C-alpha atoms as a PDB file:
ATOM      1  CA  MET A   1       6.847  17.660  20.393  1.00  0.00           C
ATOM      2  CA  THR A   2       7.555  21.215  19.288  1.00  0.00           C
ATOM      3  CA  ASN A   3      10.314  21.985  16.774  1.00  0.00           C
ATOM      4  CA  LYS A   4      12.479  23.293  19.618  1.00  0.00           C
ATOM      5  CA  GLU A   5      11.980  20.075  21.594  1.00  0.00           C
ATOM      6  CA  ILE A   6      12.801  17.996  18.517  1.00  0.00           C
ATOM      7  CA  GLY A   7      15.991  20.024  18.049  1.00  0.00           C
ATOM      8  CA  LYS A   8      17.074  19.474  21.675  1.00  0.00           C
ATOM      9  CA  TYR A   9      16.229  15.773  21.416  1.00  0.00           C
ATOM     10  CA  GLY A  10      18.390  15.493  18.298  1.00  0.00           C
ATOM     11  CA  GLU A  11      21.289  17.359  19.923  1.00  0.00           C
ATOM     12  CA  ASN A  12      21.191  14.982  22.892  1.00  0.00           C
ATOM     13  CA  LEU A  13      21.161  11.963  20.548  1.00  0.00           C
ATOM     14  CA  ALA A  14      24.121  13.426  18.656  1.00  0.00           C
ATOM     15  CA  LYS A  15      25.990  14.066  21.909  1.00  0.00           C
ATOM     16  CA  LYS A  16      25.543  10.440  23.019  1.00  0.00           C
ATOM     17  CA  TYR A  17      26.515   9.210  19.545  1.00  0.00           C
ATOM     18  CA  LEU A  18      29.753  11.242  19.607  1.00  0.00           C
ATOM     19  CA  GLU A  19      30.598  10.216  23.174  1.00  0.00           C
ATOM     20  CA  ASN A  20      30.181   6.558  22.196  1.00  0.00           C
ATOM     21  CA  LEU A  21      32.745   7.134  19.424  1.00  0.00           C
ATOM     22  CA  GLY A  22      35.247   8.585  21.890  1.00  0.00           C
ATOM     23  CA  TYR A  23      34.632  12.316  21.409  1.00  0.00           C
ATOM     24  CA  LYS A  24      35.005  14.550  24.466  1.00  0.00           C
ATOM     25  CA  ILE A  25      32.197  17.127  24.553  1.00  0.00           C
ATOM     26  CA  LEU A  26      33.601  20.553  25.434  1.00  0.00           C
ATOM     27  CA  ASP A  27      30.545  22.736  24.951  1.00  0.00           C
ATOM     28  CA  MET A  28      26.980  22.712  23.683  1.00  0.00           C
ATOM     29  CA  ASN A  29      24.880  25.518  22.208  1.00  0.00           C
ATOM     30  CA  TYR A  30      27.780  27.979  22.084  1.00  0.00           C
ATOM     31  CA  LYS A  31      26.366  31.371  21.099  1.00  0.00           C
ATOM     32  CA  TYR A  32      28.351  34.065  19.319  1.00  0.00           C
ATOM     33  CA  SER A  33      26.533  37.385  18.815  1.00  0.00           C
ATOM     34  CA  ARG A  34      24.269  37.581  15.801  1.00  0.00           C
ATOM     35  CA  TYR A  35      26.060  34.726  14.043  1.00  0.00           C
ATOM     36  CA  GLY A  36      24.027  32.165  15.889  1.00  0.00           C
ATOM     37  CA  GLU A  37      25.266  29.136  17.740  1.00  0.00           C
ATOM     38  CA  ILE A  38      27.267  25.967  17.386  1.00  0.00           C
ATOM     39  CA  ASP A  39      25.307  22.944  18.559  1.00  0.00           C
ATOM     40  CA  ILE A  40      28.212  20.797  19.794  1.00  0.00           C
ATOM     41  CA  ILE A  41      31.916  21.475  20.233  1.00  0.00           C
ATOM     42  CA  ALA A  42      33.968  18.357  20.825  1.00  0.00           C
ATOM     43  CA  LEU A  43      37.541  17.140  20.872  1.00  0.00           C
ATOM     44  CA  TYR A  44      38.418  13.936  19.033  1.00  0.00           C
ATOM     45  CA  LYS A  45      42.034  12.926  19.488  1.00  0.00           C
ATOM     46  CA  ASN A  46      43.800  16.237  18.663  1.00  0.00           C
ATOM     47  CA  GLU A  47      41.055  17.595  16.416  1.00  0.00           C
ATOM     48  CA  LEU A  48      38.551  20.229  17.502  1.00  0.00           C
ATOM     49  CA  CYS A  49      35.136  19.526  15.971  1.00  0.00           C
ATOM     50  CA  PHE A  50      32.337  22.045  15.556  1.00  0.00           C
ATOM     51  CA  VAL A  51      29.173  20.045  14.954  1.00  0.00           C
ATOM     52  CA  GLU A  52      25.923  21.267  13.411  1.00  0.00           C
ATOM     53  CA  VAL A  53      22.985  18.984  14.248  1.00  0.00           C
ATOM     54  CA  LYS A  54      19.800  18.924  12.182  1.00  0.00           C
ATOM     55  CA  THR A  55      16.837  16.785  13.174  1.00  0.00           C
ATOM     56  CA  ARG A  56      13.698  16.152  11.131  1.00  0.00           C
ATOM     57  CA  ARG A  57      10.556  14.045  11.542  1.00  0.00           C
ATOM     58  CA  ASN A  58       9.937  13.997   7.791  1.00  0.00           C
ATOM     59  CA  ASP A  59      11.243  15.402   4.498  1.00  0.00           C
ATOM     60  CA  LYS A  60       8.303  17.778   3.998  1.00  0.00           C
ATOM     61  CA  PHE A  61      10.637  20.790   4.166  1.00  0.00           C
ATOM     62  CA  GLY A  62      13.731  18.961   2.875  1.00  0.00           C
ATOM     63  CA  THR A  63      16.230  16.619   4.441  1.00  0.00           C
ATOM     64  CA  PRO A  64      18.228  17.628   7.508  1.00  0.00           C
ATOM     65  CA  MET A  65      21.401  18.058   5.431  1.00  0.00           C
ATOM     66  CA  GLU A  66      19.622  20.366   2.987  1.00  0.00           C
ATOM     67  CA  ALA A  67      19.032  22.750   5.902  1.00  0.00           C
ATOM     68  CA  ILE A  68      22.790  23.372   6.202  1.00  0.00           C
ATOM     69  CA  THR A  69      23.298  26.145   3.680  1.00  0.00           C
ATOM     70  CA  LYS A  70      26.379  28.068   2.597  1.00  0.00           C
ATOM     71  CA  ASP A  71      25.253  31.009   4.768  1.00  0.00           C
ATOM     72  CA  LYS A  72      24.844  28.686   7.774  1.00  0.00           C
ATOM     73  CA  LEU A  73      28.367  27.319   7.277  1.00  0.00           C
ATOM     74  CA  ILE A  74      29.822  30.839   7.099  1.00  0.00           C
ATOM     75  CA  LYS A  75      28.133  31.673  10.412  1.00  0.00           C
ATOM     76  CA  ILE A  76      29.480  28.465  11.966  1.00  0.00           C
ATOM     77  CA  GLN A  77      32.999  29.346  10.762  1.00  0.00           C
ATOM     78  CA  LEU A  78      32.764  32.827  12.303  1.00  0.00           C
ATOM     79  CA  SER A  79      31.467  31.380  15.565  1.00  0.00           C
ATOM     80  CA  ALA A  80      34.201  28.707  15.542  1.00  0.00           C
ATOM     81  CA  LYS A  81      36.930  31.329  15.118  1.00  0.00           C
ATOM     82  CA  ASN A  82      35.478  33.323  18.002  1.00  0.00           C
ATOM     83  CA  TYR A  83      35.316  30.196  20.193  1.00  0.00           C
ATOM     84  CA  ILE A  84      38.983  29.443  19.497  1.00  0.00           C
ATOM     85  CA  GLN A  85      40.012  33.024  20.332  1.00  0.00           C
ATOM     86  CA  GLU A  86      37.875  33.125  23.465  1.00  0.00           C
ATOM     87  CA  LYS A  87      38.483  29.664  24.949  1.00  0.00           C
ATOM     88  CA  LYS A  88      41.968  28.914  23.555  1.00  0.00           C
ATOM     89  CA  PRO A  89      41.494  25.128  23.542  1.00  0.00           C
ATOM     90  CA  LYS A  90      44.448  22.838  22.815  1.00  0.00           C
ATOM     91  CA  PHE A  91      44.151  21.163  19.418  1.00  0.00           C
ATOM     92  CA  GLU A  92      46.154  20.511  16.251  1.00  0.00           C
ATOM     93  CA  HIS A  93      43.400  20.841  13.631  1.00  0.00           C
ATOM     94  CA  PHE A  94      39.771  21.842  13.558  1.00  0.00           C
ATOM     95  CA  ARG A  95      36.874  20.919  11.333  1.00  0.00           C
ATOM     96  CA  ILE A  96      33.146  21.417  10.912  1.00  0.00           C
ATOM     97  CA  ASP A  97      30.955  18.316  10.947  1.00  0.00           C
ATOM     98  CA  ALA A  98      27.266  17.786  10.331  1.00  0.00           C
ATOM     99  CA  ILE A  99      25.030  15.252  12.008  1.00  0.00           C
ATOM    100  CA  SER A 100      21.686  14.525  10.428  1.00  0.00           C
ATOM    101  CA  ILE A 101      19.024  12.801  12.506  1.00  0.00           C
ATOM    102  CA  GLU A 102      15.875  11.504  10.877  1.00  0.00           C
ATOM    103  CA  LEU A 103      13.176  10.420  13.297  1.00  0.00           C
ATOM    104  CA  LYS A 104      11.395   7.560  11.610  1.00  0.00           C
ATOM    105  CA  GLU A 105       8.463   5.598  13.012  1.00  0.00           C
ATOM    106  CA  ASN A 106      10.294   3.452  15.583  1.00  0.00           C
ATOM    107  CA  LYS A 107      13.928   4.401  15.073  1.00  0.00           C
ATOM    108  CA  GLU A 108      16.385   7.230  14.624  1.00  0.00           C
ATOM    109  CA  GLU A 109      18.714   7.316  11.624  1.00  0.00           C
ATOM    110  CA  ILE A 110      21.972   9.171  12.317  1.00  0.00           C
ATOM    111  CA  THR A 111      24.305  10.303   9.526  1.00  0.00           C
ATOM    112  CA  HIS A 112      27.632  11.918  10.418  1.00  0.00           C
ATOM    113  CA  ILE A 113      29.532  13.826   7.760  1.00  0.00           C
ATOM    114  CA  LYS A 114      32.990  14.983   8.772  1.00  0.00           C
ATOM    115  CA  ASN A 115      34.716  18.122   7.529  1.00  0.00           C
ATOM    116  CA  ILE A 116      31.831  19.610   5.564  1.00  0.00           C
ATOM    117  CA  GLU A 117      32.486  22.439   3.128  1.00  0.00           C
ATOM    118  CA  PHE A 118      30.490  24.580   0.746  1.00  0.00           C
END
């Protein structure tokens, strides 16, 4: 699998994981100009969640969570604000989450960190 295929595979795993927890997926791969994209946008109860998904086959270039830098979070925040202005979804609070997926030999390890900050 290419890196792009691994990324898509991880996003689909994360989507299923969130749906199984009761999240309603509103959007995937939302792009906002040069600031990049938000992998998953979901609603959980009355909370709007912007989810960054990182998938890795190994730790050769660091863990998935190490790939979420301060600069990446700033871009996600800018994209999230644009999404809210553009789509005007109904919610009480919003947060940024991270989902790390490590593809091990015969299994996938999923770690979900809610409300990440830098």
